[in-house]
């Protein structure tokens, strides 16, 4: 297979996984998101290994740039949603800590 086509296929796979990760984040499916990220890491590792062969062929550069833009936009939204979730968890953990202190102080 021609290297340019191989690269495009790998970036398309990364973009598909990023889209699935975004959907998982939107639905609060954090375990699924982690599994998808592991899959994506494997494909990105292949791309990093290939990078030693030189730059992306000009014939596919625009297509790859478009895919990378999509991936970065999905990642930005995922990061935003994850931060919201983390803040929610902090609030829950804080209220549990307060509840525990009150129970300890005034409980039986």
PDB file of N, CA and C in Angstrom:
ATOM      1  N   UNK A   1       0.849  -1.184   0.000  1.00  0.00           N
ATOM      2  CA  UNK A   1       0.000   0.000   0.000  1.00  0.00           C
ATOM      3  C   UNK A   1       0.890   1.242   0.000  1.00  0.00           C
ATOM      4  N   UNK A   2       0.508   2.200  -0.779  1.00  0.00           N
ATOM      5  CA  UNK A   2       1.242   3.456  -0.854  1.00  0.00           C
ATOM      6  C   UNK A   2       1.242   4.133   0.517  1.00  0.00           C
ATOM      7  N   UNK A   3       2.371   4.700   0.889  1.00  0.00           N
ATOM      8  CA  UNK A   3       2.528   5.315   2.213  1.00  0.00           C
ATOM      9  C   UNK A   3       1.487   6.403   2.460  1.00  0.00           C
ATOM     10  N   UNK A   4       1.224   7.251   1.469  1.00  0.00           N
ATOM     11  CA  UNK A   4       0.245   8.327   1.646  1.00  0.00           C
ATOM     12  C   UNK A   4      -1.131   7.786   1.999  1.00  0.00           C
ATOM     13  N   UNK A   5      -1.572   6.752   1.294  1.00  0.00           N
ATOM     14  CA  UNK A   5      -2.875   6.149   1.591  1.00  0.00           C
ATOM     15  C   UNK A   5      -2.894   5.523   2.986  1.00  0.00           C
ATOM     16  N   UNK A   6      -1.786   4.885   3.353  1.00  0.00           N
ATOM     17  CA  UNK A   6      -1.670   4.281   4.675  1.00  0.00           C
ATOM     18  C   UNK A   6      -1.817   5.348   5.764  1.00  0.00           C
ATOM     19  N   UNK A   7      -1.143   6.475   5.563  1.00  0.00           N
ATOM     20  CA  UNK A   7      -1.209   7.569   6.542  1.00  0.00           C
ATOM     21  C   UNK A   7      -2.639   8.090   6.655  1.00  0.00           C
ATOM     22  N   UNK A   8      -3.286   8.315   5.519  1.00  0.00           N
ATOM     23  CA  UNK A   8      -4.663   8.810   5.535  1.00  0.00           C
ATOM     24  C   UNK A   8      -5.569   7.826   6.262  1.00  0.00           C
ATOM     25  N   UNK A   9      -5.418   6.556   5.979  1.00  0.00           N
ATOM     26  CA  UNK A   9      -6.251   5.548   6.658  1.00  0.00           C
ATOM     27  C   UNK A   9      -6.040   5.583   8.160  1.00  0.00           C
ATOM     28  N   UNK A  10      -4.809   5.732   8.596  1.00  0.00           N
ATOM     29  CA  UNK A  10      -4.533   5.786  10.032  1.00  0.00           C
ATOM     30  C   UNK A  10      -5.158   7.034  10.656  1.00  0.00           C
ATOM     31  N   UNK A  11      -5.018   8.183   9.992  1.00  0.00           N
ATOM     32  CA  UNK A  11      -5.624   9.401  10.529  1.00  0.00           C
ATOM     33  C   UNK A  11      -7.149   9.325  10.509  1.00  0.00           C
ATOM     34  N   UNK A  12      -7.711   8.668   9.513  1.00  0.00           N
ATOM     35  CA  UNK A  12      -9.165   8.471   9.498  1.00  0.00           C
ATOM     36  C   UNK A  12      -9.597   7.616  10.680  1.00  0.00           C
ATOM     37  N   UNK A  13      -8.803   6.602  10.999  1.00  0.00           N
ATOM     38  CA  UNK A  13      -9.097   5.763  12.160  1.00  0.00           C
ATOM     39  C   UNK A  13      -9.026   6.590  13.441  1.00  0.00           C
ATOM     40  N   UNK A  14      -8.007   7.419  13.560  1.00  0.00           N
ATOM     41  CA  UNK A  14      -7.870   8.279  14.744  1.00  0.00           C
ATOM     42  C   UNK A  14      -9.064   9.236  14.834  1.00  0.00           C
ATOM     43  N   UNK A  15      -9.481   9.787  13.704  1.00  0.00           N
ATOM     44  CA  UNK A  15     -10.626  10.711  13.689  1.00  0.00           C
ATOM     45  C   UNK A  15     -11.910   9.980  14.086  1.00  0.00           C
ATOM     46  N   UNK A  16     -12.105   8.775  13.594  1.00  0.00           N
ATOM     47  CA  UNK A  16     -13.291   8.000  13.973  1.00  0.00           C
ATOM     48  C   UNK A  16     -13.287   7.715  15.467  1.00  0.00           C
ATOM     49  N   UNK A  17     -12.138   7.342  15.990  1.00  0.00           N
ATOM     50  CA  UNK A  17     -12.038   7.081  17.423  1.00  0.00           C
ATOM     51  C   UNK A  17     -12.272   8.359  18.225  1.00  0.00           C
ATOM     52  N   UNK A  18     -11.766   9.482  17.742  1.00  0.00           N
ATOM     53  CA  UNK A  18     -11.991  10.764  18.423  1.00  0.00           C
ATOM     54  C   UNK A  18     -13.484  11.093  18.449  1.00  0.00           C
ATOM     55  N   UNK A  19     -14.176  10.830  17.344  1.00  0.00           N
ATOM     56  CA  UNK A  19     -15.619  11.052  17.301  1.00  0.00           C
ATOM     57  C   UNK A  19     -16.359  10.173  18.298  1.00  0.00           C
ATOM     58  N   UNK A  20     -15.957   8.910  18.388  1.00  0.00           N
ATOM     59  CA  UNK A  20     -16.574   7.997  19.353  1.00  0.00           C
ATOM     60  C   UNK A  20     -16.257   8.427  20.783  1.00  0.00           C
ATOM     61  N   UNK A  21     -15.036   8.892  20.999  1.00  0.00           N
ATOM     62  CA  UNK A  21     -14.651   9.380  22.327  1.00  0.00           C
ATOM     63  C   UNK A  21     -15.492  10.591  22.718  1.00  0.00           C
ATOM     64  N   UNK A  22     -15.726  11.471  21.766  1.00  0.00           N
ATOM     65  CA  UNK A  22     -16.538  12.653  22.029  1.00  0.00           C
ATOM     66  C   UNK A  22     -17.965  12.256  22.399  1.00  0.00           C
ATOM     67  N   UNK A  23     -18.523  11.320  21.677  1.00  0.00           N
ATOM     68  CA  UNK A  23     -19.879  10.846  21.997  1.00  0.00           C
ATOM     69  C   UNK A  23     -19.909  10.213  23.386  1.00  0.00           C
ATOM     70  N   UNK A  24     -18.888   9.441  23.705  1.00  0.00           N
ATOM     71  CA  UNK A  24     -18.815   8.825  25.037  1.00  0.00           C
ATOM     72  C   UNK A  24     -18.754   9.908  26.115  1.00  0.00           C
ATOM     73  N   UNK A  25     -17.953  10.941  25.886  1.00  0.00           N
ATOM     74  CA  UNK A  25     -17.836  12.033  26.861  1.00  0.00           C
ATOM     75  C   UNK A  25     -19.161  12.782  26.998  1.00  0.00           C
ATOM     76  N   UNK A  26     -19.828  13.014  25.889  1.00  0.00           N
ATOM     77  CA  UNK A  26     -21.124  13.713  25.936  1.00  0.00           C
ATOM     78  C   UNK A  26     -22.166  12.939  26.734  1.00  0.00           C
ATOM     79  N   UNK A  27     -22.032  11.604  26.756  1.00  0.00           N
ATOM     80  CA  UNK A  27     -22.994  10.765  27.476  1.00  0.00           C
ATOM     81  C   UNK A  27     -22.462  10.294  28.828  1.00  0.00           C
ATOM     82  N   UNK A  28     -21.320  10.832  29.234  1.00  0.00           N
ATOM     83  CA  UNK A  28     -20.758  10.477  30.533  1.00  0.00           C
ATOM     84  C   UNK A  28     -20.283   9.039  30.620  1.00  0.00           C
ATOM     85  N   UNK A  29     -19.915   8.461  29.506  1.00  0.00           N
ATOM     86  CA  UNK A  29     -19.444   7.073  29.464  1.00  0.00           C
ATOM     87  C   UNK A  29     -17.908   7.081  29.533  1.00  0.00           C
ATOM     88  N   UNK A  30     -17.401   7.360  30.719  1.00  0.00           N
ATOM     89  CA  UNK A  30     -15.973   7.600  30.900  1.00  0.00           C
ATOM     90  C   UNK A  30     -15.139   6.334  30.736  1.00  0.00           C
ATOM     91  N   UNK A  31     -15.659   5.185  31.146  1.00  0.00           N
ATOM     92  CA  UNK A  31     -14.916   3.931  30.959  1.00  0.00           C
ATOM     93  C   UNK A  31     -14.733   3.630  29.472  1.00  0.00           C
ATOM     94  N   UNK A  32     -15.789   3.852  28.701  1.00  0.00           N
ATOM     95  CA  UNK A  32     -15.710   3.638  27.249  1.00  0.00           C
ATOM     96  C   UNK A  32     -14.704   4.603  26.628  1.00  0.00           C
ATOM     97  N   UNK A  33     -14.713   5.839  27.095  1.00  0.00           N
ATOM     98  CA  UNK A  33     -13.777   6.834  26.578  1.00  0.00           C
ATOM     99  C   UNK A  33     -12.338   6.378  26.808  1.00  0.00           C
ATOM    100  N   UNK A  34     -12.061   5.835  27.975  1.00  0.00           N
ATOM    101  CA  UNK A  34     -10.710   5.365  28.277  1.00  0.00           C
ATOM    102  C   UNK A  34     -10.312   4.220  27.343  1.00  0.00           C
ATOM    103  N   UNK A  35     -11.226   3.296  27.094  1.00  0.00           N
ATOM    104  CA  UNK A  35     -10.939   2.187  26.181  1.00  0.00           C
ATOM    105  C   UNK A  35     -10.649   2.693  24.770  1.00  0.00           C
ATOM    106  N   UNK A  36     -11.442   3.652  24.323  1.00  0.00           N
ATOM    107  CA  UNK A  36     -11.233   4.219  22.995  1.00  0.00           C
ATOM    108  C   UNK A  36      -9.900   4.961  22.917  1.00  0.00           C
ATOM    109  N   UNK A  37      -9.543   5.648  23.984  1.00  0.00           N
ATOM    110  CA  UNK A  37      -8.264   6.365  24.014  1.00  0.00           C
ATOM    111  C   UNK A  37      -7.102   5.382  23.908  1.00  0.00           C
ATOM    112  N   UNK A  38      -7.226   4.231  24.529  1.00  0.00           N
ATOM    113  CA  UNK A  38      -6.171   3.225  24.424  1.00  0.00           C
ATOM    114  C   UNK A  38      -6.023   2.750  22.981  1.00  0.00           C
ATOM    115  N   UNK A  39      -7.143   2.543  22.306  1.00  0.00           N
ATOM    116  CA  UNK A  39      -7.101   2.140  20.899  1.00  0.00           C
ATOM    117  C   UNK A  39      -6.447   3.234  20.054  1.00  0.00           C
ATOM    118  N   UNK A  40      -6.831   4.458  20.341  1.00  0.00           N
ATOM    119  CA  UNK A  40      -6.289   5.585  19.580  1.00  0.00           C
ATOM    120  C   UNK A  40      -4.784   5.722  19.796  1.00  0.00           C
ATOM    121  N   UNK A  41      -4.345   5.486  21.009  1.00  0.00           N
ATOM    122  CA  UNK A  41      -2.920   5.571  21.323  1.00  0.00           C
ATOM    123  C   UNK A  41      -2.122   4.575  20.497  1.00  0.00           C
ATOM    124  N   UNK A  42      -2.676   3.390  20.286  1.00  0.00           N
ATOM    125  CA  UNK A  42      -1.994   2.380  19.470  1.00  0.00           C
ATOM    126  C   UNK A  42      -1.820   2.857  18.032  1.00  0.00           C
ATOM    127  N   UNK A  43      -2.870   3.452  17.471  1.00  0.00           N
ATOM    128  CA  UNK A  43      -2.787   3.937  16.087  1.00  0.00           C
ATOM    129  C   UNK A  43      -1.824   5.116  16.001  1.00  0.00           C
ATOM    130  N   UNK A  44      -1.876   6.001  16.981  1.00  0.00           N
ATOM    131  CA  UNK A  44      -0.961   7.146  16.982  1.00  0.00           C
ATOM    132  C   UNK A  44       0.490   6.685  17.108  1.00  0.00           C
ATOM    133  N   UNK A  45       0.700   5.616  17.847  1.00  0.00           N
ATOM    134  CA  UNK A  45       2.045   5.063  17.976  1.00  0.00           C
ATOM    135  C   UNK A  45       2.563   4.593  16.614  1.00  0.00           C
ATOM    136  N   UNK A  46       1.686   3.972  15.835  1.00  0.00           N
ATOM    137  CA  UNK A  46       2.063   3.554  14.477  1.00  0.00           C
ATOM    138  C   UNK A  46       2.444   4.771  13.633  1.00  0.00           C
ATOM    139  N   UNK A  47       1.668   5.837  13.773  1.00  0.00           N
ATOM    140  CA  UNK A  47       1.949   7.052  12.999  1.00  0.00           C
ATOM    141  C   UNK A  47       3.271   7.689  13.427  1.00  0.00           C
ATOM    142  N   UNK A  48       3.551   7.660  14.720  1.00  0.00           N
ATOM    143  CA  UNK A  48       4.810   8.237  15.203  1.00  0.00           C
ATOM    144  C   UNK A  48       6.005   7.425  14.695  1.00  0.00           C
ATOM    145  N   UNK A  49       5.836   6.120  14.648  1.00  0.00           N
ATOM    146  CA  UNK A  49       6.904   5.269  14.101  1.00  0.00           C
ATOM    147  C   UNK A  49       7.130   5.601  12.628  1.00  0.00           C
ATOM    148  N   UNK A  50       6.042   5.806  11.900  1.00  0.00           N
ATOM    149  CA  UNK A  50       6.147   6.136  10.475  1.00  0.00           C
ATOM    150  C   UNK A  50       6.778   7.507  10.253  1.00  0.00           C
ATOM    151  N   UNK A  51       6.620   8.413  11.196  1.00  0.00           N
ATOM    152  CA  UNK A  51       7.136   9.773  11.028  1.00  0.00           C
ATOM    153  C   UNK A  51       8.635   9.788  10.772  1.00  0.00           C
ATOM    154  N   UNK A  52       9.329   8.756  11.212  1.00  0.00           N
ATOM    155  CA  UNK A  52      10.773   8.678  10.977  1.00  0.00           C
ATOM    156  C   UNK A  52      11.095   8.557   9.486  1.00  0.00           C
ATOM    157  N   UNK A  53      10.108   8.157   8.693  1.00  0.00           N
ATOM    158  CA  UNK A  53      10.318   8.007   7.251  1.00  0.00           C
ATOM    159  C   UNK A  53      10.256   9.346   6.511  1.00  0.00           C
ATOM    160  N   UNK A  54       9.895  10.378   7.191  1.00  0.00           N
ATOM    161  CA  UNK A  54       9.853  11.690   6.560  1.00  0.00           C
ATOM    162  C   UNK A  54       8.480  12.324   6.657  1.00  0.00           C
ATOM    163  N   UNK A  55       8.363  13.480   6.021  1.00  0.00           N
ATOM    164  CA  UNK A  55       7.120  14.237   6.097  1.00  0.00           C
ATOM    165  C   UNK A  55       5.979  13.525   5.365  1.00  0.00           C
ATOM    166  N   UNK A  56       4.787  13.986   5.672  1.00  0.00           N
ATOM    167  CA  UNK A  56       3.591  13.450   5.016  1.00  0.00           C
ATOM    168  C   UNK A  56       3.643  13.841   3.540  1.00  0.00           C
ATOM    169  N   UNK A  57       3.395  12.901   2.645  1.00  0.00           N
ATOM    170  CA  UNK A  57       3.423  13.220   1.210  1.00  0.00           C
ATOM    171  C   UNK A  57       2.469  14.375   0.869  1.00  0.00           C
ATOM    172  N   UNK A  58       2.932  15.272   0.033  1.00  0.00           N
ATOM    173  CA  UNK A  58       2.150  16.447  -0.341  1.00  0.00           C
ATOM    174  C   UNK A  58       0.768  16.096  -0.889  1.00  0.00           C
ATOM    175  N   UNK A  59       0.665  14.982  -1.593  1.00  0.00           N
ATOM    176  CA  UNK A  59      -0.586  14.602  -2.239  1.00  0.00           C
ATOM    177  C   UNK A  59      -1.708  14.361  -1.222  1.00  0.00           C
ATOM    178  N   UNK A  60      -1.364  14.030   0.027  1.00  0.00           N
ATOM    179  CA  UNK A  60      -2.395  13.766   1.047  1.00  0.00           C
ATOM    180  C   UNK A  60      -2.347  14.771   2.195  1.00  0.00           C
ATOM    181  N   UNK A  61      -1.455  15.742   2.117  1.00  0.00           N
ATOM    182  CA  UNK A  61      -1.248  16.680   3.224  1.00  0.00           C
ATOM    183  C   UNK A  61      -2.523  17.437   3.602  1.00  0.00           C
ATOM    184  N   UNK A  62      -3.282  17.920   2.618  1.00  0.00           N
ATOM    185  CA  UNK A  62      -4.507  18.661   2.926  1.00  0.00           C
ATOM    186  C   UNK A  62      -5.547  17.776   3.599  1.00  0.00           C
ATOM    187  N   UNK A  63      -5.656  16.551   3.132  1.00  0.00           N
ATOM    188  CA  UNK A  63      -6.608  15.605   3.717  1.00  0.00           C
ATOM    189  C   UNK A  63      -6.225  15.295   5.168  1.00  0.00           C
ATOM    190  N   UNK A  64      -4.939  15.081   5.404  1.00  0.00           N
ATOM    191  CA  UNK A  64      -4.460  14.796   6.761  1.00  0.00           C
ATOM    192  C   UNK A  64      -4.661  16.021   7.650  1.00  0.00           C
ATOM    193  N   UNK A  65      -4.401  17.209   7.137  1.00  0.00           N
ATOM    194  CA  UNK A  65      -4.589  18.430   7.921  1.00  0.00           C
ATOM    195  C   UNK A  65      -6.044  18.584   8.347  1.00  0.00           C
ATOM    196  N   UNK A  66      -6.962  18.275   7.448  1.00  0.00           N
ATOM    197  CA  UNK A  66      -8.381  18.349   7.765  1.00  0.00           C
ATOM    198  C   UNK A  66      -8.752  17.354   8.866  1.00  0.00           C
ATOM    199  N   UNK A  67      -8.220  16.155   8.782  1.00  0.00           N
ATOM    200  CA  UNK A  67      -8.482  15.139   9.808  1.00  0.00           C
ATOM    201  C   UNK A  67      -7.893  15.562  11.152  1.00  0.00           C
ATOM    202  N   UNK A  68      -6.704  16.121  11.130  1.00  0.00           N
ATOM    203  CA  UNK A  68      -6.072  16.575  12.369  1.00  0.00           C
ATOM    204  C   UNK A  68      -6.891  17.698  12.999  1.00  0.00           C
ATOM    205  N   UNK A  69      -7.419  18.599  12.186  1.00  0.00           N
ATOM    206  CA  UNK A  69      -8.266  19.676  12.703  1.00  0.00           C
ATOM    207  C   UNK A  69      -9.489  19.099  13.421  1.00  0.00           C
ATOM    208  N   UNK A  70     -10.137  18.120  12.792  1.00  0.00           N
ATOM    209  CA  UNK A  70     -11.287  17.474  13.421  1.00  0.00           C
ATOM    210  C   UNK A  70     -10.893  16.831  14.750  1.00  0.00           C
ATOM    211  N   UNK A  71      -9.769  16.125  14.757  1.00  0.00           N
ATOM    212  CA  UNK A  71      -9.295  15.434  15.962  1.00  0.00           C
ATOM    213  C   UNK A  71      -9.039  16.437  17.080  1.00  0.00           C
ATOM    214  N   UNK A  72      -8.375  17.534  16.757  1.00  0.00           N
ATOM    215  CA  UNK A  72      -8.072  18.556  17.768  1.00  0.00           C
ATOM    216  C   UNK A  72      -9.337  19.209  18.318  1.00  0.00           C
ATOM    217  N   UNK A  73     -10.309  19.456  17.451  1.00  0.00           N
ATOM    218  CA  UNK A  73     -11.573  20.040  17.908  1.00  0.00           C
ATOM    219  C   UNK A  73     -12.319  19.069  18.826  1.00  0.00           C
ATOM    220  N   UNK A  74     -12.333  17.793  18.458  1.00  0.00           N
ATOM    221  CA  UNK A  74     -12.979  16.779  19.303  1.00  0.00           C
ATOM    222  C   UNK A  74     -12.260  16.693  20.646  1.00  0.00           C
ATOM    223  N   UNK A  75     -10.935  16.695  20.616  1.00  0.00           N
ATOM    224  CA  UNK A  75     -10.156  16.621  21.855  1.00  0.00           C
ATOM    225  C   UNK A  75     -10.430  17.814  22.768  1.00  0.00           C
ATOM    226  N   UNK A  76     -10.577  18.994  22.177  1.00  0.00           N
ATOM    227  CA  UNK A  76     -10.856  20.188  22.977  1.00  0.00           C
ATOM    228  C   UNK A  76     -12.208  20.053  23.681  1.00  0.00           C
ATOM    229  N   UNK A  77     -13.205  19.573  22.973  1.00  0.00           N
ATOM    230  CA  UNK A  77     -14.520  19.410  23.597  1.00  0.00           C
ATOM    231  C   UNK A  77     -14.487  18.306  24.648  1.00  0.00           C
ATOM    232  N   UNK A  78     -13.762  17.235  24.375  1.00  0.00           N
ATOM    233  CA  UNK A  78     -13.625  16.156  25.357  1.00  0.00           C
ATOM    234  C   UNK A  78     -12.970  16.686  26.625  1.00  0.00           C
ATOM    235  N   UNK A  79     -11.923  17.475  26.474  1.00  0.00           N
ATOM    236  CA  UNK A  79     -11.231  18.050  27.639  1.00  0.00           C
ATOM    237  C   UNK A  79     -12.179  18.937  28.440  1.00  0.00           C
ATOM    238  N   UNK A  80     -12.990  19.722  27.751  1.00  0.00           N
ATOM    239  CA  UNK A  80     -13.960  20.594  28.421  1.00  0.00           C
ATOM    240  C   UNK A  80     -14.968  19.753  29.210  1.00  0.00           C
ATOM    241  N   UNK A  81     -15.502  18.716  28.574  1.00  0.00           N
ATOM    242  CA  UNK A  81     -16.489  17.860  29.239  1.00  0.00           C
ATOM    243  C   UNK A  81     -15.867  17.103  30.411  1.00  0.00           C
ATOM    244  N   UNK A  82     -14.635  16.662  30.253  1.00  0.00           N
ATOM    245  CA  UNK A  82     -13.951  15.951  31.334  1.00  0.00           C
ATOM    246  C   UNK A  82     -13.718  16.882  32.521  1.00  0.00           C
ATOM    247  N   UNK A  83     -13.374  18.129  32.237  1.00  0.00           N
ATOM    248  CA  UNK A  83     -13.159  19.103  33.322  1.00  0.00           C
ATOM    249  C   UNK A  83     -14.456  19.345  34.076  1.00  0.00           C
ATOM    250  N   UNK A  84     -15.559  19.481  33.353  1.00  0.00           N
ATOM    251  CA  UNK A  84     -16.859  19.635  34.009  1.00  0.00           C
ATOM    252  C   UNK A  84     -17.150  18.446  34.917  1.00  0.00           C
ATOM    253  N   UNK A  85     -16.881  17.253  34.412  1.00  0.00           N
ATOM    254  CA  UNK A  85     -17.125  16.032  35.178  1.00  0.00           C
ATOM    255  C   UNK A  85     -16.245  15.996  36.425  1.00  0.00           C
ATOM    256  N   UNK A  86     -14.988  16.404  36.283  1.00  0.00           N
ATOM    257  CA  UNK A  86     -14.076  16.443  37.422  1.00  0.00           C
ATOM    258  C   UNK A  86     -14.579  17.417  38.488  1.00  0.00           C
ATOM    259  N   UNK A  87     -15.066  18.565  38.053  1.00  0.00           N
ATOM    260  CA  UNK A  87     -15.591  19.547  39.001  1.00  0.00           C
ATOM    261  C   UNK A  87     -16.815  18.988  39.733  1.00  0.00           C
ATOM    262  N   UNK A  88     -17.657  18.270  38.992  1.00  0.00           N
ATOM    263  CA  UNK A  88     -18.829  17.649  39.593  1.00  0.00           C
ATOM    264  C   UNK A  88     -18.398  16.617  40.639  1.00  0.00           C
ATOM    265  N   UNK A  89     -17.399  15.820  40.305  1.00  0.00           N
ATOM    266  CA  UNK A  89     -16.890  14.820  41.244  1.00  0.00           C
ATOM    267  C   UNK A  89     -16.294  15.472  42.485  1.00  0.00           C
ATOM    268  N   UNK A  90     -15.555  16.548  42.289  1.00  0.00           N
ATOM    269  CA  UNK A  90     -14.987  17.268  43.430  1.00  0.00           C
ATOM    270  C   UNK A  90     -16.093  17.747  44.359  1.00  0.00           C
ATOM    271  N   UNK A  91     -17.159  18.271  43.770  1.00  0.00           N
ATOM    272  CA  UNK A  91     -18.295  18.722  44.573  1.00  0.00           C
ATOM    273  C   UNK A  91     -18.924  17.578  45.349  1.00  0.00           C
ATOM    274  N   UNK A  92     -19.103  16.448  44.699  1.00  0.00           N
ATOM    275  CA  UNK A  92     -19.682  15.284  45.372  1.00  0.00           C
ATOM    276  C   UNK A  92     -18.782  14.782  46.490  1.00  0.00           C
ATOM    277  N   UNK A  93     -17.500  14.707  46.211  1.00  0.00           N
ATOM    278  CA  UNK A  93     -16.566  14.249  47.234  1.00  0.00           C
ATOM    279  C   UNK A  93     -16.496  15.225  48.398  1.00  0.00           C
ATOM    280  N   UNK A  94     -16.560  16.504  48.097  1.00  0.00           N
ATOM    281  CA  UNK A  94     -16.559  17.519  49.150  1.00  0.00           C
ATOM    282  C   UNK A  94     -17.784  17.404  50.030  1.00  0.00           C
ATOM    283  N   UNK A  95     -18.950  17.186  49.418  1.00  0.00           N
ATOM    284  CA  UNK A  95     -20.175  17.068  50.207  1.00  0.00           C
ATOM    285  C   UNK A  95     -20.172  15.787  51.031  1.00  0.00           C
ATOM    286  N   UNK A  96     -19.568  14.721  50.495  1.00  0.00           N
ATOM    287  CA  UNK A  96     -19.451  13.478  51.269  1.00  0.00           C
ATOM    288  C   UNK A  96     -18.543  13.680  52.479  1.00  0.00           C
ATOM    289  N   UNK A  97     -17.475  14.427  52.286  1.00  0.00           N
ATOM    290  CA  UNK A  97     -16.558  14.724  53.392  1.00  0.00           C
ATOM    291  C   UNK A  97     -17.246  15.536  54.464  1.00  0.00           C
ATOM    292  N   UNK A  98     -18.022  16.514  54.060  1.00  0.00           N
ATOM    293  CA  UNK A  98     -18.765  17.340  55.010  1.00  0.00           C
ATOM    294  C   UNK A  98     -19.793  16.500  55.747  1.00  0.00           C
ATOM    295  N   UNK A  99     -20.474  15.650  54.999  1.00  0.00           N
ATOM    296  CA  UNK A  99     -21.479  14.762  55.589  1.00  0.00           C
ATOM    297  C   UNK A  99     -20.836  13.863  56.640  1.00  0.00           C
ATOM    298  N   UNK A 100     -19.684  13.335  56.316  1.00  0.00           N
ATOM    299  CA  UNK A 100     -18.962  12.453  57.234  1.00  0.00           C
ATOM    300  C   UNK A 100     -18.568  13.206  58.507  1.00  0.00           C
ATOM    301  N   UNK A 101     -18.084  14.439  58.353  1.00  0.00           N
ATOM    302  CA  UNK A 101     -17.688  15.244  59.519  1.00  0.00           C
ATOM    303  C   UNK A 101     -18.894  15.533  60.416  1.00  0.00           C
ATOM    304  N   UNK A 102     -20.018  15.872  59.801  1.00  0.00           N
ATOM    305  CA  UNK A 102     -21.231  16.168  60.578  1.00  0.00           C
ATOM    306  C   UNK A 102     -21.697  14.905  61.299  1.00  0.00           C
ATOM    307  N   UNK A 103     -21.691  13.810  60.603  1.00  0.00           N
ATOM    308  CA  UNK A 103     -22.108  12.538  61.193  1.00  0.00           C
ATOM    309  C   UNK A 103     -21.196  12.164  62.361  1.00  0.00           C
ATOM    310  N   UNK A 104     -19.930  12.387  62.204  1.00  0.00           N
ATOM    311  CA  UNK A 104     -18.951  12.075  63.255  1.00  0.00           C
ATOM    312  C   UNK A 104     -19.175  12.979  64.469  1.00  0.00           C
ATOM    313  N   UNK A 105     -19.444  14.248  64.193  1.00  0.00           N
ATOM    314  CA  UNK A 105     -19.604  15.213  65.277  1.00  0.00           C
ATOM    315  C   UNK A 105     -20.924  15.046  66.014  1.00  0.00           C
ATOM    316  N   UNK A 106     -21.990  14.739  65.288  1.00  0.00           N
ATOM    317  CA  UNK A 106     -23.312  14.721  65.896  1.00  0.00           C
ATOM    318  C   UNK A 106     -23.971  13.341  65.881  1.00  0.00           C
ATOM    319  N   UNK A 107     -23.306  12.375  65.294  1.00  0.00           N
ATOM    320  CA  UNK A 107     -23.886  11.043  65.167  1.00  0.00           C
ATOM    321  C   UNK A 107     -23.886  10.288  66.490  1.00  0.00           C
ATOM    322  N   UNK A 108     -24.465   9.113  66.475  1.00  0.00           N
ATOM    323  CA  UNK A 108     -24.576   8.305  67.697  1.00  0.00           C
ATOM    324  C   UNK A 108     -23.258   7.832  68.234  1.00  0.00           C
TER     325      UNK A 108
END
